[in-house]
PDB file of N, CA and C in Angstrom:
ATOM      1  N   MET A   1     -33.076 -29.750  -5.862  1.00  0.00           N
ATOM      2  CA  MET A   1     -32.477 -29.360  -4.557  1.00  0.00           C
ATOM      3  C   MET A   1     -32.989 -27.887  -4.145  1.00  0.00           C
ATOM      4  N   LYS A   2     -32.922 -26.987  -5.190  1.00  0.00           N
ATOM      5  CA  LYS A   2     -33.379 -25.628  -4.843  1.00  0.00           C
ATOM      6  C   LYS A   2     -34.841 -25.647  -4.436  1.00  0.00           C
ATOM      7  N   LYS A   3     -35.628 -26.505  -5.174  1.00  0.00           N
ATOM      8  CA  LYS A   3     -37.096 -26.526  -4.948  1.00  0.00           C
ATOM      9  C   LYS A   3     -37.358 -26.969  -3.621  1.00  0.00           C
ATOM     10  N   ALA A   4     -36.666 -27.934  -2.969  1.00  0.00           N
ATOM     11  CA  ALA A   4     -36.911 -28.335  -1.721  1.00  0.00           C
ATOM     12  C   ALA A   4     -36.542 -27.330  -0.662  1.00  0.00           C
ATOM     13  N   THR A   5     -35.557 -26.539  -0.931  1.00  0.00           N
ATOM     14  CA  THR A   5     -35.062 -25.429   0.050  1.00  0.00           C
ATOM     15  C   THR A   5     -36.242 -24.344   0.081  1.00  0.00           C
ATOM     16  N   THR A   6     -36.751 -24.043  -1.128  1.00  0.00           N
ATOM     17  CA  THR A   6     -37.856 -22.942  -1.200  1.00  0.00           C
ATOM     18  C   THR A   6     -39.184 -23.452  -0.643  1.00  0.00           C
ATOM     19  N   ILE A   7     -39.416 -24.697  -0.724  1.00  0.00           N
ATOM     20  CA  ILE A   7     -40.621 -25.365  -0.061  1.00  0.00           C
ATOM     21  C   ILE A   7     -40.429 -25.252   1.311  1.00  0.00           C
ATOM     22  N   ALA A   8     -39.188 -25.632   1.968  1.00  0.00           N
ATOM     23  CA  ALA A   8     -39.023 -25.756   3.306  1.00  0.00           C
ATOM     24  C   ALA A   8     -39.088 -24.227   3.890  1.00  0.00           C
ATOM     25  N   LEU A   9     -38.597 -23.210   3.160  1.00  0.00           N
ATOM     26  CA  LEU A   9     -38.748 -21.903   3.634  1.00  0.00           C
ATOM     27  C   LEU A   9     -40.188 -21.496   3.727  1.00  0.00           C
ATOM     28  N   ALA A  10     -40.978 -21.851   2.713  1.00  0.00           N
ATOM     29  CA  ALA A  10     -42.362 -21.434   2.587  1.00  0.00           C
ATOM     30  C   ALA A  10     -43.137 -22.238   3.651  1.00  0.00           C
ATOM     31  N   GLN A  11     -42.805 -23.287   4.085  1.00  0.00           N
ATOM     32  CA  GLN A  11     -43.532 -23.979   5.132  1.00  0.00           C
ATOM     33  C   GLN A  11     -43.096 -23.666   6.646  1.00  0.00           C
ATOM     34  N   ARG A  12     -41.977 -22.811   6.725  1.00  0.00           N
ATOM     35  CA  ARG A  12     -41.498 -22.371   7.961  1.00  0.00           C
ATOM     36  C   ARG A  12     -42.491 -21.593   8.597  1.00  0.00           C
ATOM     37  N   GLN A  13     -42.719 -21.860   9.951  1.00  0.00           N
ATOM     38  CA  GLN A  13     -43.741 -21.184  10.774  1.00  0.00           C
ATOM     39  C   GLN A  13     -43.229 -19.701  11.072  1.00  0.00           C
ATOM     40  N   ARG A  14     -44.155 -18.850  11.081  1.00  0.00           N
ATOM     41  CA  ARG A  14     -43.951 -17.404  11.372  1.00  0.00           C
ATOM     42  C   ARG A  14     -44.691 -17.002  12.487  1.00  0.00           C
ATOM     43  N   GLY A  15     -44.348 -16.044  13.190  1.00  0.00           N
ATOM     44  CA  GLY A  15     -45.115 -15.485  14.220  1.00  0.00           C
ATOM     45  C   GLY A  15     -44.210 -15.037  15.420  1.00  0.00           C
ATOM     46  N   MET A  16     -44.921 -14.994  16.523  1.00  0.00           N
ATOM     47  CA  MET A  16     -44.182 -14.552  17.775  1.00  0.00           C
ATOM     48  C   MET A  16     -43.768 -15.767  18.610  1.00  0.00           C
ATOM     49  N   SER A  17     -42.618 -15.740  19.122  1.00  0.00           N
ATOM     50  CA  SER A  17     -42.186 -16.914  20.085  1.00  0.00           C
ATOM     51  C   SER A  17     -42.851 -16.637  21.380  1.00  0.00           C
ATOM     52  N   PHE A  18     -42.798 -17.782  22.139  1.00  0.00           N
ATOM     53  CA  PHE A  18     -43.469 -17.715  23.553  1.00  0.00           C
ATOM     54  C   PHE A  18     -42.780 -16.636  24.302  1.00  0.00           C
ATOM     55  N   ILE A  19     -41.485 -16.462  24.373  1.00  0.00           N
ATOM     56  CA  ILE A  19     -40.849 -15.415  25.166  1.00  0.00           C
ATOM     57  C   ILE A  19     -41.206 -14.085  24.649  1.00  0.00           C
ATOM     58  N   GLY A  20     -41.353 -13.868  23.499  1.00  0.00           N
ATOM     59  CA  GLY A  20     -41.842 -12.541  22.978  1.00  0.00           C
ATOM     60  C   GLY A  20     -43.266 -12.357  23.305  1.00  0.00           C
ATOM     61  N   LEU A  21     -44.057 -13.308  23.417  1.00  0.00           N
ATOM     62  CA  LEU A  21     -45.431 -13.075  23.805  1.00  0.00           C
ATOM     63  C   LEU A  21     -45.503 -12.708  25.267  1.00  0.00           C
ATOM     64  N   CYS A  22     -44.572 -13.427  26.063  1.00  0.00           N
ATOM     65  CA  CYS A  22     -44.550 -13.109  27.503  1.00  0.00           C
ATOM     66  C   CYS A  22     -44.023 -11.639  27.755  1.00  0.00           C
ATOM     67  N   MET A  23     -43.137 -11.357  26.981  1.00  0.00           N
ATOM     68  CA  MET A  23     -42.498  -9.848  27.239  1.00  0.00           C
ATOM     69  C   MET A  23     -43.615  -8.946  26.852  1.00  0.00           C
ATOM     70  N   LEU A  24     -44.309  -9.181  25.762  1.00  0.00           N
ATOM     71  CA  LEU A  24     -45.370  -8.176  25.394  1.00  0.00           C
ATOM     72  C   LEU A  24     -46.505  -8.162  26.343  1.00  0.00           C
ATOM     73  N   ALA A  25     -46.808  -9.271  26.907  1.00  0.00           N
ATOM     74  CA  ALA A  25     -47.901  -9.400  27.996  1.00  0.00           C
ATOM     75  C   ALA A  25     -47.438  -8.631  29.190  1.00  0.00           C
ATOM     76  N   ALA A  26     -46.148  -8.742  29.603  1.00  0.00           N
ATOM     77  CA  ALA A  26     -45.593  -8.015  30.800  1.00  0.00           C
ATOM     78  C   ALA A  26     -45.664  -6.518  30.570  1.00  0.00           C
ATOM     79  N   ILE A  27     -45.300  -6.084  29.347  1.00  0.00           N
ATOM     80  CA  ILE A  27     -45.364  -4.656  29.020  1.00  0.00           C
ATOM     81  C   ILE A  27     -46.828  -4.134  29.043  1.00  0.00           C
ATOM     82  N   ILE A  28     -47.753  -4.869  28.497  1.00  0.00           N
ATOM     83  CA  ILE A  28     -49.074  -4.409  28.598  1.00  0.00           C
ATOM     84  C   ILE A  28     -49.639  -4.423  29.964  1.00  0.00           C
ATOM     85  N   VAL A  29     -49.301  -5.436  30.751  1.00  0.00           N
ATOM     86  CA  VAL A  29     -49.757  -5.452  32.206  1.00  0.00           C
ATOM     87  C   VAL A  29     -49.285  -4.273  32.873  1.00  0.00           C
ATOM     88  N   PHE A  30     -47.819  -3.969  32.701  1.00  0.00           N
ATOM     89  CA  PHE A  30     -47.230  -2.894  33.482  1.00  0.00           C
ATOM     90  C   PHE A  30     -47.880  -1.528  32.989  1.00  0.00           C
ATOM     91  N   LEU A  31     -48.140  -1.301  31.831  1.00  0.00           N
ATOM     92  CA  LEU A  31     -48.709  -0.135  31.337  1.00  0.00           C
ATOM     93  C   LEU A  31     -50.231   0.009  31.843  1.00  0.00           C
ATOM     94  N   GLY A  32     -50.856  -1.214  31.853  1.00  0.00           N
ATOM     95  CA  GLY A  32     -52.256  -1.144  32.556  1.00  0.00           C
ATOM     96  C   GLY A  32     -52.130  -0.723  33.964  1.00  0.00           C
ATOM     97  N   TYR A  33     -51.239  -1.278  34.591  1.00  0.00           N
ATOM     98  CA  TYR A  33     -51.117  -1.034  36.115  1.00  0.00           C
ATOM     99  C   TYR A  33     -50.775   0.509  36.369  1.00  0.00           C
ATOM    100  N   VAL A  34     -49.934   1.029  35.553  1.00  0.00           N
ATOM    101  CA  VAL A  34     -49.570   2.409  35.690  1.00  0.00           C
ATOM    102  C   VAL A  34     -50.825   3.271  35.359  1.00  0.00           C
ATOM    103  N   GLY A  35     -51.530   2.911  34.342  1.00  0.00           N
ATOM    104  CA  GLY A  35     -52.741   3.759  33.919  1.00  0.00           C
ATOM    105  C   GLY A  35     -53.784   3.570  35.110  1.00  0.00           C
ATOM    106  N   PHE A  36     -53.933   2.367  35.635  1.00  0.00           N
ATOM    107  CA  PHE A  36     -54.970   2.166  36.720  1.00  0.00           C
ATOM    108  C   PHE A  36     -54.538   3.010  38.002  1.00  0.00           C
ATOM    109  N   LYS A  37     -53.311   3.107  38.257  1.00  0.00           N
ATOM    110  CA  LYS A  37     -52.866   3.968  39.362  1.00  0.00           C
ATOM    111  C   LYS A  37     -52.929   5.352  39.062  1.00  0.00           C
ATOM    112  N   SER A  38     -53.031   5.806  37.845  1.00  0.00           N
ATOM    113  CA  SER A  38     -52.983   7.284  37.551  1.00  0.00           C
ATOM    114  C   SER A  38     -54.376   7.704  37.394  1.00  0.00           C
ATOM    115  N   VAL A  39     -55.399   6.946  37.465  1.00  0.00           N
ATOM    116  CA  VAL A  39     -56.849   7.352  37.191  1.00  0.00           C
ATOM    117  C   VAL A  39     -57.128   8.381  38.375  1.00  0.00           C
ATOM    118  N   PRO A  40     -56.779   8.126  39.643  1.00  0.00           N
ATOM    119  CA  PRO A  40     -57.163   9.185  40.663  1.00  0.00           C
ATOM    120  C   PRO A  40     -56.445  10.488  40.577  1.00  0.00           C
ATOM    121  N   VAL A  41     -55.354  10.594  39.939  1.00  0.00           N
ATOM    122  CA  VAL A  41     -54.572  11.812  39.821  1.00  0.00           C
ATOM    123  C   VAL A  41     -55.295  12.570  38.609  1.00  0.00           C
ATOM    124  N   VAL A  42     -55.769  11.915  37.564  1.00  0.00           N
ATOM    125  CA  VAL A  42     -56.435  12.616  36.518  1.00  0.00           C
ATOM    126  C   VAL A  42     -57.860  13.074  36.884  1.00  0.00           C
ATOM    127  N   THR A  43     -58.595  12.336  37.675  1.00  0.00           N
ATOM    128  CA  THR A  43     -59.787  12.843  38.255  1.00  0.00           C
ATOM    129  C   THR A  43     -59.658  13.857  39.268  1.00  0.00           C
ATOM    130  N   GLU A  44     -58.687  13.894  40.093  1.00  0.00           N
ATOM    131  CA  GLU A  44     -58.433  14.961  41.021  1.00  0.00           C
ATOM    132  C   GLU A  44     -57.957  16.147  40.216  1.00  0.00           C
ATOM    133  N   TYR A  45     -57.245  16.072  39.283  1.00  0.00           N
ATOM    134  CA  TYR A  45     -56.776  17.341  38.477  1.00  0.00           C
ATOM    135  C   TYR A  45     -57.991  17.930  37.758  1.00  0.00           C
ATOM    136  N   ALA A  46     -58.899  17.088  37.166  1.00  0.00           N
ATOM    137  CA  ALA A  46     -60.141  17.744  36.552  1.00  0.00           C
ATOM    138  C   ALA A  46     -60.976  18.367  37.540  1.00  0.00           C
ATOM    139  N   ALA A  47     -61.086  17.870  38.761  1.00  0.00           N
ATOM    140  CA  ALA A  47     -61.929  18.515  39.802  1.00  0.00           C
ATOM    141  C   ALA A  47     -61.173  19.803  40.215  1.00  0.00           C
ATOM    142  N   VAL A  48     -59.912  19.784  40.333  1.00  0.00           N
ATOM    143  CA  VAL A  48     -59.201  21.116  40.686  1.00  0.00           C
ATOM    144  C   VAL A  48     -59.385  22.084  39.711  1.00  0.00           C
ATOM    145  N   GLN A  49     -59.378  21.673  38.382  1.00  0.00           N
ATOM    146  CA  GLN A  49     -59.560  22.633  37.226  1.00  0.00           C
ATOM    147  C   GLN A  49     -61.040  23.298  37.377  1.00  0.00           C
ATOM    148  N   ARG A  50     -61.982  22.471  37.662  1.00  0.00           N
ATOM    149  CA  ARG A  50     -63.360  22.916  37.854  1.00  0.00           C
ATOM    150  C   ARG A  50     -63.481  23.953  38.952  1.00  0.00           C
ATOM    151  N   ALA A  51     -62.869  23.601  40.104  1.00  0.00           N
ATOM    152  CA  ALA A  51     -62.946  24.445  41.275  1.00  0.00           C
ATOM    153  C   ALA A  51     -62.170  25.737  41.028  1.00  0.00           C
ATOM    154  N   LEU A  52     -61.078  25.684  40.368  1.00  0.00           N
ATOM    155  CA  LEU A  52     -60.350  26.952  39.968  1.00  0.00           C
ATOM    156  C   LEU A  52     -61.128  27.860  39.047  1.00  0.00           C
ATOM    157  N   LYS A  53     -61.744  27.242  38.120  1.00  0.00           N
ATOM    158  CA  LYS A  53     -62.674  28.148  37.246  1.00  0.00           C
ATOM    159  C   LYS A  53     -63.778  28.695  37.994  1.00  0.00           C
ATOM    160  N   LYS A  54     -64.421  28.057  38.864  1.00  0.00           N
ATOM    161  CA  LYS A  54     -65.460  28.633  39.771  1.00  0.00           C
ATOM    162  C   LYS A  54     -64.883  29.593  40.685  1.00  0.00           C
ATOM    163  N   ALA A  55     -63.679  29.343  41.201  1.00  0.00           N
ATOM    164  CA  ALA A  55     -63.181  30.358  42.074  1.00  0.00           C
ATOM    165  C   ALA A  55     -62.783  31.709  41.408  1.00  0.00           C
ATOM    166  N   SER A  56     -62.403  31.598  40.193  1.00  0.00           N
ATOM    167  CA  SER A  56     -62.012  32.796  39.496  1.00  0.00           C
ATOM    168  C   SER A  56     -63.157  33.760  39.327  1.00  0.00           C
ATOM    169  N   GLU A  57     -64.394  33.411  39.666  1.00  0.00           N
ATOM    170  CA  GLU A  57     -65.595  34.341  39.479  1.00  0.00           C
ATOM    171  C   GLU A  57     -65.553  35.248  40.651  1.00  0.00           C
ATOM    172  N   GLY A  58     -64.846  35.051  41.639  1.00  0.00           N
ATOM    173  CA  GLY A  58     -64.753  35.912  42.856  1.00  0.00           C
ATOM    174  C   GLY A  58     -64.018  37.175  42.559  1.00  0.00           C
ATOM    175  N   GLY A  59     -64.408  38.204  43.167  1.00  0.00           N
ATOM    176  CA  GLY A  59     -63.728  39.499  43.009  1.00  0.00           C
ATOM    177  C   GLY A  59     -62.588  39.752  44.007  1.00  0.00           C
ATOM    178  N   THR A  60     -62.682  39.212  45.212  1.00  0.00           N
ATOM    179  CA  THR A  60     -61.549  39.494  46.134  1.00  0.00           C
ATOM    180  C   THR A  60     -60.857  38.137  46.410  1.00  0.00           C
ATOM    181  N   VAL A  61     -59.694  38.201  47.065  1.00  0.00           N
ATOM    182  CA  VAL A  61     -59.024  36.998  47.422  1.00  0.00           C
ATOM    183  C   VAL A  61     -59.801  36.224  48.381  1.00  0.00           C
ATOM    184  N   LEU A  62     -60.488  36.792  49.263  1.00  0.00           N
ATOM    185  CA  LEU A  62     -61.401  36.031  50.266  1.00  0.00           C
ATOM    186  C   LEU A  62     -62.515  35.339  49.535  1.00  0.00           C
ATOM    187  N   GLU A  63     -63.203  35.918  48.619  1.00  0.00           N
ATOM    188  CA  GLU A  63     -64.183  35.405  47.791  1.00  0.00           C
ATOM    189  C   GLU A  63     -63.719  34.301  46.945  1.00  0.00           C
ATOM    190  N   VAL A  64     -62.453  34.352  46.428  1.00  0.00           N
ATOM    191  CA  VAL A  64     -61.923  33.253  45.593  1.00  0.00           C
ATOM    192  C   VAL A  64     -61.685  32.089  46.423  1.00  0.00           C
ATOM    193  N   ARG A  65     -61.082  32.371  47.745  1.00  0.00           N
ATOM    194  CA  ARG A  65     -60.845  31.219  48.594  1.00  0.00           C
ATOM    195  C   ARG A  65     -62.096  30.437  48.965  1.00  0.00           C
ATOM    196  N   GLN A  66     -63.232  31.277  49.207  1.00  0.00           N
ATOM    197  CA  GLN A  66     -64.522  30.739  49.725  1.00  0.00           C
ATOM    198  C   GLN A  66     -65.173  29.899  48.537  1.00  0.00           C
ATOM    199  N   LEU A  67     -65.097  30.484  47.293  1.00  0.00           N
ATOM    200  CA  LEU A  67     -65.709  29.835  46.274  1.00  0.00           C
ATOM    201  C   LEU A  67     -64.890  28.458  45.932  1.00  0.00           C
ATOM    202  N   PHE A  68     -63.506  28.577  46.087  1.00  0.00           N
ATOM    203  CA  PHE A  68     -62.872  27.304  45.766  1.00  0.00           C
ATOM    204  C   PHE A  68     -63.090  26.292  46.881  1.00  0.00           C
ATOM    205  N   ASP A  69     -63.233  26.710  48.098  1.00  0.00           N
ATOM    206  CA  ASP A  69     -63.521  25.624  49.098  1.00  0.00           C
ATOM    207  C   ASP A  69     -64.881  25.088  48.937  1.00  0.00           C
ATOM    208  N   ARG A  70     -65.925  25.870  48.580  1.00  0.00           N
ATOM    209  CA  ARG A  70     -67.211  25.390  48.305  1.00  0.00           C
ATOM    210  C   ARG A  70     -67.261  24.434  47.141  1.00  0.00           C
ATOM    211  N   GLN A  71     -66.553  24.804  45.987  1.00  0.00           N
ATOM    212  CA  GLN A  71     -66.545  23.831  44.907  1.00  0.00           C
ATOM    213  C   GLN A  71     -65.682  22.547  45.213  1.00  0.00           C
ATOM    214  N   ALA A  72     -64.696  22.755  45.996  1.00  0.00           N
ATOM    215  CA  ALA A  72     -63.888  21.618  46.448  1.00  0.00           C
ATOM    216  C   ALA A  72     -64.669  20.669  47.208  1.00  0.00           C
ATOM    217  N   ASN A  73     -65.591  21.146  48.019  1.00  0.00           N
ATOM    218  CA  ASN A  73     -66.455  20.366  48.820  1.00  0.00           C
ATOM    219  C   ASN A  73     -67.478  19.636  48.032  1.00  0.00           C
ATOM    220  N   ILE A  74     -68.026  20.228  47.018  1.00  0.00           N
ATOM    221  CA  ILE A  74     -68.858  19.642  46.102  1.00  0.00           C
ATOM    222  C   ILE A  74     -68.285  18.584  45.245  1.00  0.00           C
ATOM    223  N   ASP A  75     -66.968  18.837  44.859  1.00  0.00           N
ATOM    224  CA  ASP A  75     -66.322  17.712  44.044  1.00  0.00           C
ATOM    225  C   ASP A  75     -65.524  16.695  44.947  1.00  0.00           C
ATOM    226  N   TYR A  76     -65.783  16.743  46.194  1.00  0.00           N
ATOM    227  CA  TYR A  76     -65.134  15.830  47.180  1.00  0.00           C
ATOM    228  C   TYR A  76     -63.679  15.834  47.043  1.00  0.00           C
ATOM    229  N   LEU A  77     -62.993  16.964  46.961  1.00  0.00           N
ATOM    230  CA  LEU A  77     -61.530  17.045  46.883  1.00  0.00           C
ATOM    231  C   LEU A  77     -60.832  16.475  48.132  1.00  0.00           C
ATOM    232  N   GLU A  78     -61.505  16.568  49.178  1.00  0.00           N
ATOM    233  CA  GLU A  78     -60.833  16.191  50.436  1.00  0.00           C
ATOM    234  C   GLU A  78     -60.657  14.721  50.560  1.00  0.00           C
ATOM    235  N   GLN A  79     -61.264  13.902  49.599  1.00  0.00           N
ATOM    236  CA  GLN A  79     -61.050  12.455  49.616  1.00  0.00           C
ATOM    237  C   GLN A  79     -59.693  12.079  49.096  1.00  0.00           C
ATOM    238  N   TYR A  80     -58.962  12.839  48.452  1.00  0.00           N
ATOM    239  CA  TYR A  80     -57.698  12.588  47.967  1.00  0.00           C
ATOM    240  C   TYR A  80     -56.601  12.666  49.021  1.00  0.00           C
ATOM    241  N   ALA A  81     -55.538  11.971  48.777  1.00  0.00           N
ATOM    242  CA  ALA A  81     -54.399  12.136  49.788  1.00  0.00           C
ATOM    243  C   ALA A  81     -53.727  13.485  49.610  1.00  0.00           C
ATOM    244  N   ASN A  82     -53.544  14.192  50.703  1.00  0.00           N
ATOM    245  CA  ASN A  82     -53.020  15.538  50.559  1.00  0.00           C
ATOM    246  C   ASN A  82     -53.835  16.489  49.755  1.00  0.00           C
ATOM    247  N   PRO A  83     -54.989  16.654  50.100  1.00  0.00           N
ATOM    248  CA  PRO A  83     -55.876  17.542  49.216  1.00  0.00           C
ATOM    249  C   PRO A  83     -55.503  18.920  49.150  1.00  0.00           C
ATOM    250  N   ILE A  84     -55.775  19.530  47.994  1.00  0.00           N
ATOM    251  CA  ILE A  84     -55.521  20.900  47.775  1.00  0.00           C
ATOM    252  C   ILE A  84     -56.539  21.738  48.550  1.00  0.00           C
ATOM    253  N   SER A  85     -56.054  22.781  49.206  1.00  0.00           N
ATOM    254  CA  SER A  85     -56.962  23.657  49.965  1.00  0.00           C
ATOM    255  C   SER A  85     -56.779  25.026  49.425  1.00  0.00           C
ATOM    256  N   SER A  86     -57.745  26.011  50.036  1.00  0.00           N
ATOM    257  CA  SER A  86     -57.567  27.356  49.441  1.00  0.00           C
ATOM    258  C   SER A  86     -56.356  28.031  49.837  1.00  0.00           C
ATOM    259  N   LYS A  87     -55.642  27.504  50.923  1.00  0.00           N
ATOM    260  CA  LYS A  87     -54.419  28.040  51.196  1.00  0.00           C
ATOM    261  C   LYS A  87     -53.244  27.866  50.195  1.00  0.00           C
ATOM    262  N   ASP A  88     -53.402  27.005  49.366  1.00  0.00           N
ATOM    263  CA  ASP A  88     -52.482  26.624  48.388  1.00  0.00           C
ATOM    264  C   ASP A  88     -52.607  27.442  47.034  1.00  0.00           C
ATOM    265  N   LEU A  89     -53.650  28.307  47.016  1.00  0.00           N
ATOM    266  CA  LEU A  89     -53.872  28.971  45.756  1.00  0.00           C
ATOM    267  C   LEU A  89     -53.061  30.175  45.537  1.00  0.00           C
ATOM    268  N   ILE A  90     -52.699  30.494  44.286  1.00  0.00           N
ATOM    269  CA  ILE A  90     -52.016  31.731  43.980  1.00  0.00           C
ATOM    270  C   ILE A  90     -53.026  32.508  43.163  1.00  0.00           C
ATOM    271  N   VAL A  91     -53.402  33.681  43.785  1.00  0.00           N
ATOM    272  CA  VAL A  91     -54.382  34.409  43.194  1.00  0.00           C
ATOM    273  C   VAL A  91     -53.832  35.743  42.624  1.00  0.00           C
ATOM    274  N   SER A  92     -54.061  36.066  41.405  1.00  0.00           N
ATOM    275  CA  SER A  92     -53.541  37.367  40.743  1.00  0.00           C
ATOM    276  C   SER A  92     -54.553  37.934  39.704  1.00  0.00           C
ATOM    277  N   LYS A  93     -54.309  39.004  39.265  1.00  0.00           N
ATOM    278  CA  LYS A  93     -55.086  39.670  38.259  1.00  0.00           C
ATOM    279  C   LYS A  93     -54.268  39.756  36.939  1.00  0.00           C
ATOM    280  N   LYS A  94     -54.859  39.544  35.818  1.00  0.00           N
ATOM    281  CA  LYS A  94     -54.375  39.711  34.578  1.00  0.00           C
ATOM    282  C   LYS A  94     -55.384  40.171  33.602  1.00  0.00           C
ATOM    283  N   ASN A  95     -55.151  41.465  33.106  1.00  0.00           N
ATOM    284  CA  ASN A  95     -56.140  42.161  32.221  1.00  0.00           C
ATOM    285  C   ASN A  95     -57.557  42.248  32.825  1.00  0.00           C
ATOM    286  N   ASP A  96     -57.652  42.601  34.109  1.00  0.00           N
ATOM    287  CA  ASP A  96     -58.858  42.775  34.790  1.00  0.00           C
ATOM    288  C   ASP A  96     -59.667  41.509  35.038  1.00  0.00           C
ATOM    289  N   ALA A  97     -58.916  40.384  34.775  1.00  0.00           N
ATOM    290  CA  ALA A  97     -59.593  39.097  35.191  1.00  0.00           C
ATOM    291  C   ALA A  97     -58.823  38.346  36.298  1.00  0.00           C
ATOM    292  N   VAL A  98     -59.494  37.804  37.157  1.00  0.00           N
ATOM    293  CA  VAL A  98     -58.898  37.135  38.228  1.00  0.00           C
ATOM    294  C   VAL A  98     -58.321  35.684  37.783  1.00  0.00           C
ATOM    295  N   VAL A  99     -57.067  35.566  38.003  1.00  0.00           N
ATOM    296  CA  VAL A  99     -56.358  34.176  37.692  1.00  0.00           C
ATOM    297  C   VAL A  99     -56.032  33.504  38.850  1.00  0.00           C
ATOM    298  N   VAL A 100     -56.537  32.236  39.025  1.00  0.00           N
ATOM    299  CA  VAL A 100     -56.272  31.434  40.219  1.00  0.00           C
ATOM    300  C   VAL A 100     -55.383  30.276  39.662  1.00  0.00           C
ATOM    301  N   GLU A 101     -54.249  30.066  40.367  1.00  0.00           N
ATOM    302  CA  GLU A 101     -53.312  28.943  39.937  1.00  0.00           C
ATOM    303  C   GLU A 101     -52.923  28.070  41.173  1.00  0.00           C
ATOM    304  N   VAL A 102     -52.555  26.895  40.898  1.00  0.00           N
ATOM    305  CA  VAL A 102     -52.132  25.983  41.986  1.00  0.00           C
ATOM    306  C   VAL A 102     -51.051  25.043  41.325  1.00  0.00           C
ATOM    307  N   GLU A 103     -49.963  24.820  42.071  1.00  0.00           N
ATOM    308  CA  GLU A 103     -48.976  23.820  41.603  1.00  0.00           C
ATOM    309  C   GLU A 103     -48.876  22.823  42.712  1.00  0.00           C
ATOM    310  N   TYR A 104     -48.821  21.437  42.322  1.00  0.00           N
ATOM    311  CA  TYR A 104     -48.597  20.479  43.335  1.00  0.00           C
ATOM    312  C   TYR A 104     -48.071  19.263  42.663  1.00  0.00           C
ATOM    313  N   ASP A 105     -47.703  18.342  43.488  1.00  0.00           N
ATOM    314  CA  ASP A 105     -46.998  17.109  43.122  1.00  0.00           C
ATOM    315  C   ASP A 105     -47.886  15.876  43.523  1.00  0.00           C
ATOM    316  N   ARG A 106     -47.933  14.812  42.927  1.00  0.00           N
ATOM    317  CA  ARG A 106     -48.576  13.625  43.333  1.00  0.00           C
ATOM    318  C   ARG A 106     -47.638  12.478  43.010  1.00  0.00           C
ATOM    319  N   GLU A 107     -47.353  11.649  44.146  1.00  0.00           N
ATOM    320  CA  GLU A 107     -46.459  10.492  43.963  1.00  0.00           C
ATOM    321  C   GLU A 107     -47.270   9.263  43.943  1.00  0.00           C
ATOM    322  N   ILE A 108     -47.098   8.247  43.053  1.00  0.00           N
ATOM    323  CA  ILE A 108     -47.758   7.028  42.975  1.00  0.00           C
ATOM    324  C   ILE A 108     -46.693   6.006  43.152  1.00  0.00           C
ATOM    325  N   PRO A 109     -46.829   5.169  44.257  1.00  0.00           N
ATOM    326  CA  PRO A 109     -45.908   4.118  44.378  1.00  0.00           C
ATOM    327  C   PRO A 109     -46.127   3.010  43.389  1.00  0.00           C
ATOM    328  N   LEU A 110     -44.992   2.571  42.774  1.00  0.00           N
ATOM    329  CA  LEU A 110     -45.167   1.541  41.835  1.00  0.00           C
ATOM    330  C   LEU A 110     -44.735   0.236  42.336  1.00  0.00           C
ATOM    331  N   VAL A 111     -43.443  -0.046  42.276  1.00  0.00           N
ATOM    332  CA  VAL A 111     -42.950  -1.322  42.867  1.00  0.00           C
ATOM    333  C   VAL A 111     -41.601  -0.974  43.678  1.00  0.00           C
ATOM    334  N   GLY A 112     -41.663  -1.439  44.985  1.00  0.00           N
ATOM    335  CA  GLY A 112     -40.427  -1.258  45.739  1.00  0.00           C
ATOM    336  C   GLY A 112     -40.216   0.257  46.054  1.00  0.00           C
ATOM    337  N   PRO A 113     -38.963   0.648  45.705  1.00  0.00           N
ATOM    338  CA  PRO A 113     -38.608   2.110  45.802  1.00  0.00           C
ATOM    339  C   PRO A 113     -38.942   3.049  44.546  1.00  0.00           C
ATOM    340  N   ALA A 114     -39.586   2.479  43.549  1.00  0.00           N
ATOM    341  CA  ALA A 114     -39.949   3.192  42.334  1.00  0.00           C
ATOM    342  C   ALA A 114     -41.344   3.929  42.500  1.00  0.00           C
ATOM    343  N   PHE A 115     -41.285   5.191  42.143  1.00  0.00           N
ATOM    344  CA  PHE A 115     -42.502   6.062  42.333  1.00  0.00           C
ATOM    345  C   PHE A 115     -42.678   6.679  40.935  1.00  0.00           C
ATOM    346  N   LEU A 116     -44.007   6.990  40.590  1.00  0.00           N
ATOM    347  CA  LEU A 116     -44.285   7.796  39.379  1.00  0.00           C
ATOM    348  C   LEU A 116     -44.674   9.184  39.972  1.00  0.00           C
ATOM    349  N   VAL A 117     -44.044  10.120  39.583  1.00  0.00           N
ATOM    350  CA  VAL A 117     -44.309  11.533  40.144  1.00  0.00           C
ATOM    351  C   VAL A 117     -44.879  12.487  39.086  1.00  0.00           C
ATOM    352  N   TYR A 118     -46.061  12.960  39.363  1.00  0.00           N
ATOM    353  CA  TYR A 118     -46.788  13.808  38.615  1.00  0.00           C
ATOM    354  C   TYR A 118     -46.476  15.240  39.198  1.00  0.00           C
ATOM    355  N   LYS A 119     -45.969  16.210  38.343  1.00  0.00           N
ATOM    356  CA  LYS A 119     -45.991  17.590  38.747  1.00  0.00           C
ATOM    357  C   LYS A 119     -46.987  18.378  38.003  1.00  0.00           C
ATOM    358  N   LEU A 120     -47.968  18.814  38.639  1.00  0.00           N
ATOM    359  CA  LEU A 120     -49.164  19.346  38.149  1.00  0.00           C
ATOM    360  C   LEU A 120     -49.199  20.800  38.399  1.00  0.00           C
ATOM    361  N   HIS A 121     -49.727  21.631  37.266  1.00  0.00           N
ATOM    362  CA  HIS A 121     -49.964  22.984  37.406  1.00  0.00           C
ATOM    363  C   HIS A 121     -51.419  23.179  36.764  1.00  0.00           C
ATOM    364  N   ALA A 122     -52.244  23.792  37.617  1.00  0.00           N
ATOM    365  CA  ALA A 122     -53.613  23.996  37.146  1.00  0.00           C
ATOM    366  C   ALA A 122     -53.940  25.434  37.236  1.00  0.00           C
ATOM    367  N   SER A 123     -54.608  26.029  36.313  1.00  0.00           N
ATOM    368  CA  SER A 123     -54.940  27.503  36.243  1.00  0.00           C
ATOM    369  C   SER A 123     -56.385  27.626  35.805  1.00  0.00           C
ATOM    370  N   SER A 124     -56.968  28.716  36.180  1.00  0.00           N
ATOM    371  CA  SER A 124     -58.302  28.998  35.785  1.00  0.00           C
ATOM    372  C   SER A 124     -58.448  29.557  34.447  1.00  0.00           C
ATOM    373  N   HIS A 125     -57.341  29.945  33.852  1.00  0.00           N
ATOM    374  CA  HIS A 125     -57.266  30.412  32.373  1.00  0.00           C
ATOM    375  C   HIS A 125     -56.263  29.741  31.698  1.00  0.00           C
TER     376      HIS A 125
END
């Protein structure tokens, strides 16, 4: 009798149930969707970082803003929703170096009233 029970347990199927597979697939699809919607935010952030580094080469506030606008034009920053402009920059000096910073938010609509909000802070240093 014991032998039959151990054989039955050994032959028992193992693995994921169909419901578990559906839940795993839904999670993977949702994470892929969020990742896909986040790509423009990441590329915009990288372009803003490049523009800030270029803008920090300026000596005066006016030069910094002009360099930022020029680099933003090269990187096509105006193509994004609510683009960052030179008016949004915070220009300061730290240890004889020009530091250019900007803070901004990006909202990504997910489903219905749900949004994914990125609070971004970019700096030249």
